[in-house]
Amino acid sequence: MSLPQNNYINILDSLKEKIRHSRFRAVSAVNLELLKLYWEIGKTIIEQQKIEGWGTKVTNRLAKDLRAEFPDFKGLSERNLVYMQTFASTYPYFPFTQATLAELQENLKNTFTQVSPAELQSSNKQDYLLMQGVLAQLTWSHHQLLLDKVKNLNKQLFYMQKCVENDRNSDVLEKQIA
C-alpha cells in the first residue's frame, strides 16, 4: 500500500530539511573546532616567542615539524601559522566552553555592539558572547581576509556581522572590503 502523494511529498520535504539542518550543524561544528585549534596554535606561538625571544624562528620550525607529522593537513604552512598568531593576538578571548555555546544559541540576535580593543577585554557578558558568536560563524578564509585587509577592530567586527547577517562567503566579503 503506498502513501497518498501529498503525504509522501510532506515526508520527503521534512526529511530533506532535516538532512540540510544536520549538514549545516556538522559543518559549523567542524569550523568551530578548526577555529579553536588555530587560535590555540596562535596563542602557543605567541607564548613560545616570548620565552625564546625574537629571531628564533619558532613559527618556521613549528610549521616544518607539524607538516612533517601531518602531511595531509593543508593548514600548517608557515604563512598560515602567522595568521593563527595574528588571530590569537587580535581576539585574545576567543575559545568557547559548552556553557557559552548554549548561551549563544539563546542570546545571539541580529544586533551588534561595536567595541574598541580596550572595551573588548572588559565588555559585559552579552557583548562578549555576541562577539564570539560572530567570530565562530565565519570560516578561516573570512578571518584571513579580514586580518589582511582590515586593520581596525571595529571595522573587522562590522564586516563579520554583515557576513553573518547576509550569509556572505569570503569572495563576496573581499569585494565588499574593496
N, C-alpha and C. Protein backbone atom coordinates (compact mmCIF):
# COMPACT_ATOMS: atom_id res chain seq x y z
N MET A 1 0.85 -1.18 0.00
CA MET A 1 0.00 0.00 0.00
C MET A 1 0.89 1.23 0.00
N SER A 2 0.68 2.13 -0.91
CA SER A 2 1.51 3.32 -1.00
C SER A 2 0.84 4.49 -0.27
N LEU A 3 1.69 5.43 0.14
CA LEU A 3 1.19 6.62 0.82
C LEU A 3 0.53 7.56 -0.18
N PRO A 4 -0.47 8.31 0.25
CA PRO A 4 -1.03 9.33 -0.65
C PRO A 4 0.08 10.29 -1.07
N GLN A 5 0.03 10.80 -2.30
CA GLN A 5 1.08 11.64 -2.86
C GLN A 5 1.38 12.87 -1.99
N ASN A 6 0.37 13.54 -1.48
CA ASN A 6 0.60 14.73 -0.63
C ASN A 6 1.35 14.39 0.63
N ASN A 7 1.00 13.27 1.25
CA ASN A 7 1.67 12.85 2.46
C ASN A 7 3.13 12.51 2.17
N TYR A 8 3.36 11.82 1.06
CA TYR A 8 4.72 11.47 0.66
C TYR A 8 5.56 12.74 0.44
N ILE A 9 5.01 13.71 -0.25
CA ILE A 9 5.73 14.98 -0.51
C ILE A 9 6.07 15.67 0.80
N ASN A 10 5.15 15.67 1.74
CA ASN A 10 5.41 16.29 3.05
C ASN A 10 6.53 15.56 3.79
N ILE A 11 6.51 14.25 3.76
CA ILE A 11 7.55 13.46 4.41
C ILE A 11 8.90 13.72 3.75
N LEU A 12 8.92 13.70 2.43
CA LEU A 12 10.15 13.96 1.68
C LEU A 12 10.71 15.34 2.00
N ASP A 13 9.86 16.36 1.99
CA ASP A 13 10.30 17.72 2.30
C ASP A 13 10.84 17.82 3.73
N SER A 14 10.18 17.15 4.65
CA SER A 14 10.63 17.15 6.04
C SER A 14 12.01 16.50 6.18
N LEU A 15 12.19 15.36 5.51
CA LEU A 15 13.48 14.67 5.58
C LEU A 15 14.59 15.49 4.91
N LYS A 16 14.29 16.12 3.80
CA LYS A 16 15.28 16.99 3.14
C LYS A 16 15.73 18.10 4.09
N GLU A 17 14.77 18.71 4.76
CA GLU A 17 15.10 19.79 5.68
C GLU A 17 15.95 19.29 6.85
N LYS A 18 15.63 18.11 7.38
CA LYS A 18 16.43 17.53 8.46
C LYS A 18 17.86 17.25 8.00
N ILE A 19 18.00 16.75 6.78
CA ILE A 19 19.34 16.48 6.24
C ILE A 19 20.11 17.79 6.09
N ARG A 20 19.48 18.80 5.51
CA ARG A 20 20.15 20.11 5.36
C ARG A 20 20.58 20.67 6.71
N HIS A 21 19.69 20.58 7.68
CA HIS A 21 19.98 21.10 9.02
C HIS A 21 21.15 20.35 9.67
N SER A 22 21.14 19.03 9.55
CA SER A 22 22.23 18.23 10.13
C SER A 22 23.55 18.52 9.44
N ARG A 23 23.53 18.66 8.13
CA ARG A 23 24.77 19.00 7.41
C ARG A 23 25.31 20.36 7.87
N PHE A 24 24.42 21.33 8.00
CA PHE A 24 24.84 22.66 8.45
C PHE A 24 25.45 22.59 9.84
N ARG A 25 24.81 21.84 10.75
CA ARG A 25 25.36 21.71 12.10
C ARG A 25 26.71 21.01 12.10
N ALA A 26 26.87 20.02 11.27
CA ALA A 26 28.15 19.30 11.18
C ALA A 26 29.25 20.23 10.66
N VAL A 27 28.97 20.96 9.60
CA VAL A 27 29.95 21.89 9.05
C VAL A 27 30.28 22.97 10.07
N SER A 28 29.29 23.48 10.77
CA SER A 28 29.52 24.51 11.79
C SER A 28 30.39 23.98 12.92
N ALA A 29 30.15 22.75 13.33
CA ALA A 29 30.94 22.16 14.41
C ALA A 29 32.39 21.98 13.98
N VAL A 30 32.61 21.51 12.76
CA VAL A 30 33.97 21.35 12.25
C VAL A 30 34.66 22.71 12.15
N ASN A 31 33.95 23.70 11.64
CA ASN A 31 34.51 25.05 11.53
C ASN A 31 34.91 25.59 12.89
N LEU A 32 34.04 25.42 13.88
CA LEU A 32 34.35 25.91 15.23
C LEU A 32 35.58 25.21 15.79
N GLU A 33 35.68 23.90 15.60
CA GLU A 33 36.85 23.17 16.09
C GLU A 33 38.14 23.64 15.41
N LEU A 34 38.08 23.89 14.12
CA LEU A 34 39.27 24.40 13.42
C LEU A 34 39.66 25.78 13.94
N LEU A 35 38.67 26.65 14.12
CA LEU A 35 38.97 27.99 14.63
C LEU A 35 39.58 27.92 16.03
N LYS A 36 39.03 27.05 16.87
CA LYS A 36 39.61 26.88 18.21
C LYS A 36 41.04 26.36 18.12
N LEU A 37 41.27 25.38 17.26
CA LEU A 37 42.61 24.84 17.08
C LEU A 37 43.56 25.91 16.59
N TYR A 38 43.16 26.66 15.59
CA TYR A 38 44.02 27.71 15.04
C TYR A 38 44.32 28.78 16.09
N TRP A 39 43.30 29.12 16.89
CA TRP A 39 43.52 30.10 17.95
C TRP A 39 44.53 29.55 18.97
N GLU A 40 44.37 28.30 19.35
CA GLU A 40 45.28 27.69 20.33
C GLU A 40 46.71 27.60 19.78
N ILE A 41 46.86 27.26 18.51
CA ILE A 41 48.19 27.23 17.90
C ILE A 41 48.79 28.63 17.92
N GLY A 42 47.99 29.63 17.54
CA GLY A 42 48.48 31.01 17.56
C GLY A 42 48.89 31.46 18.94
N LYS A 43 48.09 31.14 19.93
CA LYS A 43 48.41 31.51 21.32
C LYS A 43 49.70 30.83 21.77
N THR A 44 49.87 29.57 21.41
CA THR A 44 51.08 28.82 21.77
C THR A 44 52.32 29.46 21.13
N ILE A 45 52.20 29.85 19.87
CA ILE A 45 53.32 30.51 19.19
C ILE A 45 53.69 31.81 19.89
N ILE A 46 52.69 32.60 20.23
CA ILE A 46 52.93 33.87 20.94
C ILE A 46 53.67 33.61 22.25
N GLU A 47 53.19 32.64 23.01
CA GLU A 47 53.83 32.32 24.30
C GLU A 47 55.26 31.82 24.10
N GLN A 48 55.47 30.97 23.11
CA GLN A 48 56.80 30.42 22.87
C GLN A 48 57.77 31.50 22.40
N GLN A 49 57.29 32.44 21.60
CA GLN A 49 58.15 33.53 21.15
C GLN A 49 58.57 34.42 22.32
N LYS A 50 57.68 34.58 23.30
CA LYS A 50 58.04 35.35 24.50
C LYS A 50 59.15 34.65 25.27
N ILE A 51 59.08 33.33 25.32
CA ILE A 51 60.08 32.55 26.06
C ILE A 51 61.41 32.54 25.31
N GLU A 52 61.37 32.24 24.01
CA GLU A 52 62.60 32.09 23.24
C GLU A 52 63.18 33.41 22.75
N GLY A 53 62.33 34.39 22.58
CA GLY A 53 62.79 35.69 22.08
C GLY A 53 62.68 35.81 20.58
N TRP A 54 62.78 37.02 20.12
CA TRP A 54 62.65 37.33 18.70
C TRP A 54 63.81 36.74 17.91
N GLY A 55 63.53 36.28 16.71
CA GLY A 55 64.58 35.78 15.83
C GLY A 55 64.91 34.31 15.98
N THR A 56 64.17 33.59 16.79
CA THR A 56 64.46 32.16 17.00
C THR A 56 63.69 31.27 16.02
N LYS A 57 62.93 31.86 15.12
CA LYS A 57 62.21 31.14 14.06
C LYS A 57 61.26 30.07 14.60
N VAL A 58 60.55 30.42 15.67
CA VAL A 58 59.59 29.49 16.26
C VAL A 58 58.56 29.05 15.22
N THR A 59 57.99 30.02 14.51
CA THR A 59 56.93 29.71 13.55
C THR A 59 57.46 28.82 12.43
N ASN A 60 58.64 29.12 11.94
CA ASN A 60 59.24 28.35 10.87
C ASN A 60 59.47 26.90 11.30
N ARG A 61 60.03 26.72 12.48
CA ARG A 61 60.29 25.37 12.98
C ARG A 61 59.02 24.59 13.22
N LEU A 62 58.02 25.26 13.84
CA LEU A 62 56.75 24.58 14.09
C LEU A 62 56.07 24.17 12.79
N ALA A 63 56.06 25.06 11.81
CA ALA A 63 55.42 24.74 10.53
C ALA A 63 56.08 23.52 9.91
N LYS A 64 57.40 23.50 9.91
CA LYS A 64 58.14 22.39 9.30
C LYS A 64 57.84 21.07 10.03
N ASP A 65 57.90 21.10 11.35
CA ASP A 65 57.68 19.88 12.13
C ASP A 65 56.23 19.42 12.09
N LEU A 66 55.28 20.35 12.14
CA LEU A 66 53.87 19.97 12.08
C LEU A 66 53.50 19.41 10.71
N ARG A 67 54.01 20.00 9.66
CA ARG A 67 53.75 19.47 8.31
C ARG A 67 54.36 18.07 8.14
N ALA A 68 55.51 17.85 8.75
CA ALA A 68 56.12 16.51 8.68
C ALA A 68 55.25 15.48 9.40
N GLU A 69 54.68 15.85 10.51
CA GLU A 69 53.83 14.93 11.28
C GLU A 69 52.45 14.76 10.66
N PHE A 70 51.91 15.82 10.05
CA PHE A 70 50.57 15.80 9.48
C PHE A 70 50.61 16.24 8.02
N PRO A 71 51.19 15.45 7.13
CA PRO A 71 51.36 15.88 5.74
C PRO A 71 50.05 16.11 4.98
N ASP A 72 48.97 15.48 5.43
CA ASP A 72 47.68 15.65 4.75
C ASP A 72 46.90 16.87 5.25
N PHE A 73 47.39 17.54 6.29
CA PHE A 73 46.73 18.71 6.86
C PHE A 73 47.26 19.94 6.15
N LYS A 74 46.44 20.55 5.30
CA LYS A 74 46.89 21.65 4.43
C LYS A 74 47.10 22.98 5.15
N GLY A 75 46.60 23.16 6.35
CA GLY A 75 46.62 24.45 7.01
C GLY A 75 47.83 24.71 7.90
N LEU A 76 48.92 24.01 7.70
CA LEU A 76 50.05 24.13 8.63
C LEU A 76 51.28 24.79 8.01
N SER A 77 51.08 25.61 7.00
CA SER A 77 52.20 26.34 6.40
C SER A 77 52.67 27.43 7.36
N GLU A 78 53.87 27.89 7.15
CA GLU A 78 54.39 28.97 7.99
C GLU A 78 53.50 30.21 7.88
N ARG A 79 53.07 30.51 6.68
CA ARG A 79 52.21 31.68 6.48
C ARG A 79 50.91 31.53 7.28
N ASN A 80 50.31 30.35 7.25
CA ASN A 80 49.05 30.14 7.97
C ASN A 80 49.28 30.19 9.48
N LEU A 81 50.42 29.72 9.95
CA LEU A 81 50.74 29.82 11.37
C LEU A 81 50.88 31.29 11.80
N VAL A 82 51.38 32.13 10.92
CA VAL A 82 51.45 33.57 11.21
C VAL A 82 50.03 34.13 11.33
N TYR A 83 49.12 33.70 10.44
CA TYR A 83 47.71 34.11 10.56
C TYR A 83 47.13 33.66 11.90
N MET A 84 47.46 32.45 12.31
CA MET A 84 46.95 31.93 13.59
C MET A 84 47.45 32.79 14.75
N GLN A 85 48.69 33.17 14.68
CA GLN A 85 49.27 34.03 15.71
C GLN A 85 48.55 35.38 15.73
N THR A 86 48.31 35.95 14.57
CA THR A 86 47.61 37.23 14.47
C THR A 86 46.18 37.09 14.97
N PHE A 87 45.52 35.98 14.62
CA PHE A 87 44.16 35.70 15.06
C PHE A 87 44.10 35.67 16.60
N ALA A 88 45.04 34.96 17.21
CA ALA A 88 45.06 34.84 18.67
C ALA A 88 45.36 36.18 19.34
N SER A 89 46.21 36.98 18.75
CA SER A 89 46.52 38.27 19.38
C SER A 89 45.42 39.30 19.14
N THR A 90 44.70 39.19 18.01
CA THR A 90 43.61 40.13 17.71
C THR A 90 42.39 39.83 18.56
N TYR A 91 42.11 38.55 18.79
CA TYR A 91 40.94 38.14 19.57
C TYR A 91 41.42 37.31 20.76
N PRO A 92 41.93 37.96 21.80
CA PRO A 92 42.58 37.22 22.89
C PRO A 92 41.66 36.34 23.73
N TYR A 93 40.34 36.49 23.61
CA TYR A 93 39.43 35.70 24.43
C TYR A 93 38.49 34.86 23.59
N PHE A 94 38.99 34.28 22.51
CA PHE A 94 38.13 33.58 21.57
C PHE A 94 37.56 32.24 22.04
N PRO A 95 38.29 31.33 22.64
CA PRO A 95 37.76 29.97 22.82
C PRO A 95 36.43 29.91 23.57
N PHE A 96 35.64 28.93 23.21
CA PHE A 96 34.33 28.73 23.81
C PHE A 96 34.36 27.60 24.83
N THR A 97 33.38 27.63 25.69
CA THR A 97 33.07 26.48 26.53
C THR A 97 31.67 26.01 26.12
N GLN A 98 31.27 24.85 26.53
CA GLN A 98 29.93 24.38 26.22
C GLN A 98 28.87 25.32 26.79
N ALA A 99 29.14 25.90 27.95
CA ALA A 99 28.18 26.82 28.55
C ALA A 99 27.99 28.05 27.68
N THR A 100 29.08 28.62 27.16
CA THR A 100 28.92 29.81 26.34
C THR A 100 28.24 29.47 25.02
N LEU A 101 28.48 28.27 24.48
CA LEU A 101 27.78 27.88 23.26
C LEU A 101 26.27 27.81 23.49
N ALA A 102 25.87 27.25 24.62
CA ALA A 102 24.44 27.19 24.94
C ALA A 102 23.86 28.59 25.10
N GLU A 103 24.62 29.46 25.76
CA GLU A 103 24.15 30.83 25.93
C GLU A 103 24.07 31.55 24.59
N LEU A 104 25.00 31.29 23.70
CA LEU A 104 24.98 31.92 22.38
C LEU A 104 23.70 31.55 21.63
N GLN A 105 23.33 30.31 21.69
CA GLN A 105 22.12 29.88 21.00
C GLN A 105 20.90 30.62 21.54
N GLU A 106 20.90 30.95 22.80
CA GLU A 106 19.79 31.68 23.39
C GLU A 106 19.87 33.18 23.15
N ASN A 107 21.07 33.74 23.20
CA ASN A 107 21.23 35.19 23.22
C ASN A 107 21.59 35.85 21.91
N LEU A 108 22.08 35.09 20.95
CA LEU A 108 22.58 35.71 19.73
C LEU A 108 21.43 36.29 18.92
N LYS A 109 21.46 37.58 18.72
CA LYS A 109 20.45 38.29 17.95
C LYS A 109 21.13 38.91 16.74
N ASN A 110 20.36 39.57 15.90
CA ASN A 110 20.93 40.23 14.73
C ASN A 110 21.34 41.67 15.04
N THR A 111 21.63 41.92 16.31
CA THR A 111 22.14 43.23 16.68
C THR A 111 23.59 43.06 17.04
N PHE A 112 24.32 44.13 16.98
CA PHE A 112 25.75 44.03 17.23
C PHE A 112 26.23 45.30 17.89
N THR A 113 27.03 45.18 18.92
CA THR A 113 27.61 46.31 19.60
C THR A 113 29.06 46.42 19.20
N GLN A 114 29.43 47.55 18.60
CA GLN A 114 30.83 47.73 18.24
C GLN A 114 31.62 48.05 19.50
N VAL A 115 32.82 47.49 19.58
CA VAL A 115 33.65 47.68 20.76
C VAL A 115 35.06 48.04 20.34
N SER A 116 35.73 48.78 21.20
CA SER A 116 37.13 49.09 20.98
C SER A 116 37.95 47.95 21.57
N PRO A 117 39.25 47.85 21.22
CA PRO A 117 40.07 46.79 21.81
C PRO A 117 40.07 46.82 23.34
N ALA A 118 40.08 48.03 23.93
CA ALA A 118 40.05 48.12 25.39
C ALA A 118 38.72 47.60 25.94
N GLU A 119 37.62 47.97 25.27
CA GLU A 119 36.31 47.51 25.71
C GLU A 119 36.15 46.01 25.53
N LEU A 120 36.81 45.49 24.49
CA LEU A 120 36.73 44.06 24.21
C LEU A 120 37.17 43.24 25.41
N GLN A 121 38.20 43.71 26.10
CA GLN A 121 38.73 42.97 27.23
C GLN A 121 37.89 43.14 28.48
N SER A 122 37.05 44.18 28.52
CA SER A 122 36.26 44.40 29.73
C SER A 122 34.77 44.54 29.42
N SER A 123 34.33 44.08 28.25
CA SER A 123 32.93 44.24 27.87
C SER A 123 32.05 43.32 28.71
N ASN A 124 30.75 43.66 28.73
CA ASN A 124 29.84 42.83 29.52
C ASN A 124 29.64 41.48 28.84
N LYS A 125 29.05 40.56 29.56
CA LYS A 125 28.97 39.16 29.11
C LYS A 125 28.20 39.03 27.79
N GLN A 126 27.12 39.77 27.64
CA GLN A 126 26.32 39.63 26.42
C GLN A 126 27.09 40.12 25.20
N ASP A 127 27.79 41.26 25.31
CA ASP A 127 28.60 41.75 24.19
C ASP A 127 29.70 40.75 23.85
N TYR A 128 30.30 40.18 24.88
CA TYR A 128 31.37 39.20 24.69
C TYR A 128 30.85 37.97 23.97
N LEU A 129 29.70 37.46 24.41
CA LEU A 129 29.11 36.29 23.76
C LEU A 129 28.72 36.60 22.33
N LEU A 130 28.20 37.78 22.09
CA LEU A 130 27.81 38.17 20.75
C LEU A 130 29.02 38.22 19.83
N MET A 131 30.09 38.84 20.30
CA MET A 131 31.31 38.93 19.51
C MET A 131 31.87 37.53 19.22
N GLN A 132 31.88 36.66 20.21
CA GLN A 132 32.37 35.30 20.00
C GLN A 132 31.49 34.57 19.00
N GLY A 133 30.19 34.78 19.09
CA GLY A 133 29.28 34.11 18.17
C GLY A 133 29.56 34.49 16.73
N VAL A 134 29.82 35.75 16.48
CA VAL A 134 30.13 36.20 15.14
C VAL A 134 31.45 35.60 14.68
N LEU A 135 32.46 35.61 15.53
CA LEU A 135 33.76 35.02 15.18
C LEU A 135 33.60 33.55 14.78
N ALA A 136 32.82 32.82 15.54
CA ALA A 136 32.70 31.38 15.33
C ALA A 136 31.90 31.02 14.10
N GLN A 137 31.08 31.93 13.62
CA GLN A 137 30.24 31.61 12.46
C GLN A 137 30.94 31.84 11.12
N LEU A 138 32.11 32.43 11.15
CA LEU A 138 32.85 32.69 9.92
C LEU A 138 33.92 31.63 9.71
N THR A 139 34.24 31.42 8.45
CA THR A 139 35.27 30.44 8.13
C THR A 139 36.66 31.03 8.31
N TRP A 140 37.65 30.17 8.28
CA TRP A 140 39.04 30.61 8.38
C TRP A 140 39.38 31.56 7.23
N SER A 141 38.85 31.31 6.05
CA SER A 141 39.09 32.20 4.91
C SER A 141 38.59 33.61 5.18
N HIS A 142 37.43 33.73 5.80
CA HIS A 142 36.92 35.05 6.19
C HIS A 142 37.91 35.74 7.12
N HIS A 143 38.37 35.00 8.13
CA HIS A 143 39.27 35.60 9.13
C HIS A 143 40.60 36.01 8.50
N GLN A 144 41.16 35.17 7.63
CA GLN A 144 42.40 35.53 6.97
C GLN A 144 42.24 36.82 6.17
N LEU A 145 41.17 36.92 5.46
CA LEU A 145 40.90 38.11 4.65
C LEU A 145 40.77 39.35 5.52
N LEU A 146 40.01 39.23 6.59
CA LEU A 146 39.83 40.37 7.49
C LEU A 146 41.14 40.77 8.17
N LEU A 147 41.93 39.80 8.58
CA LEU A 147 43.20 40.12 9.22
C LEU A 147 44.17 40.78 8.24
N ASP A 148 44.07 40.42 6.97
CA ASP A 148 44.92 41.02 5.94
C ASP A 148 44.48 42.42 5.54
N LYS A 149 43.19 42.58 5.32
CA LYS A 149 42.68 43.78 4.66
C LYS A 149 42.10 44.85 5.57
N VAL A 150 41.70 44.46 6.79
CA VAL A 150 41.03 45.41 7.68
C VAL A 150 41.79 45.45 8.99
N LYS A 151 42.43 46.56 9.26
CA LYS A 151 43.29 46.65 10.46
C LYS A 151 42.54 47.17 11.68
N ASN A 152 41.42 47.83 11.50
CA ASN A 152 40.65 48.39 12.60
C ASN A 152 39.69 47.33 13.15
N LEU A 153 39.76 47.08 14.46
CA LEU A 153 38.95 46.03 15.09
C LEU A 153 37.46 46.29 14.91
N ASN A 154 37.02 47.53 15.09
CA ASN A 154 35.59 47.83 14.92
C ASN A 154 35.13 47.52 13.50
N LYS A 155 35.96 47.84 12.53
CA LYS A 155 35.60 47.55 11.13
C LYS A 155 35.60 46.05 10.88
N GLN A 156 36.56 45.34 11.46
CA GLN A 156 36.57 43.89 11.31
C GLN A 156 35.27 43.30 11.85
N LEU A 157 34.88 43.72 13.03
CA LEU A 157 33.67 43.19 13.65
C LEU A 157 32.42 43.58 12.86
N PHE A 158 32.43 44.80 12.28
CA PHE A 158 31.32 45.22 11.43
C PHE A 158 31.18 44.29 10.22
N TYR A 159 32.29 44.04 9.54
CA TYR A 159 32.26 43.14 8.38
C TYR A 159 31.85 41.73 8.78
N MET A 160 32.31 41.27 9.93
CA MET A 160 31.92 39.94 10.40
C MET A 160 30.41 39.85 10.57
N GLN A 161 29.85 40.85 11.23
CA GLN A 161 28.41 40.85 11.47
C GLN A 161 27.64 40.86 10.16
N LYS A 162 28.08 41.66 9.21
CA LYS A 162 27.40 41.73 7.91
C LYS A 162 27.49 40.40 7.16
N CYS A 163 28.63 39.74 7.28
CA CYS A 163 28.78 38.41 6.65
C CYS A 163 27.80 37.42 7.25
N VAL A 164 27.67 37.44 8.55
CA VAL A 164 26.76 36.50 9.23
C VAL A 164 25.31 36.83 8.88
N GLU A 165 24.96 38.12 8.95
CA GLU A 165 23.58 38.53 8.66
C GLU A 165 23.16 38.19 7.24
N ASN A 166 24.08 38.37 6.29
CA ASN A 166 23.75 38.21 4.88
C ASN A 166 24.30 36.93 4.26
N ASP A 167 24.84 36.05 5.08
CA ASP A 167 25.38 34.77 4.63
C ASP A 167 26.35 34.94 3.46
N ARG A 168 27.32 35.85 3.66
CA ARG A 168 28.30 36.15 2.61
C ARG A 168 29.49 35.22 2.69
N ASN A 169 29.94 34.75 1.54
CA ASN A 169 31.16 33.95 1.50
C ASN A 169 32.36 34.89 1.45
N SER A 170 33.56 34.34 1.52
CA SER A 170 34.75 35.18 1.58
C SER A 170 35.01 35.93 0.28
N ASP A 171 34.56 35.39 -0.86
CA ASP A 171 34.71 36.12 -2.12
C ASP A 171 33.88 37.40 -2.13
N VAL A 172 32.65 37.31 -1.64
CA VAL A 172 31.78 38.48 -1.56
C VAL A 172 32.36 39.47 -0.54
N LEU A 173 32.86 38.96 0.58
CA LEU A 173 33.48 39.82 1.59
C LEU A 173 34.63 40.61 0.99
N GLU A 174 35.46 39.95 0.22
CA GLU A 174 36.62 40.63 -0.39
C GLU A 174 36.16 41.77 -1.29
N LYS A 175 35.11 41.55 -2.05
CA LYS A 175 34.58 42.61 -2.92
C LYS A 175 33.99 43.75 -2.10
N GLN A 176 33.34 43.42 -0.99
CA GLN A 176 32.75 44.45 -0.13
C GLN A 176 33.84 45.31 0.52
N ILE A 177 34.93 44.69 0.92
CA ILE A 177 36.03 45.44 1.53
C ILE A 177 36.68 46.36 0.52
N ALA A 178 36.86 45.86 -0.71
CA ALA A 178 37.48 46.67 -1.77
C ALA A 178 36.59 47.84 -2.11
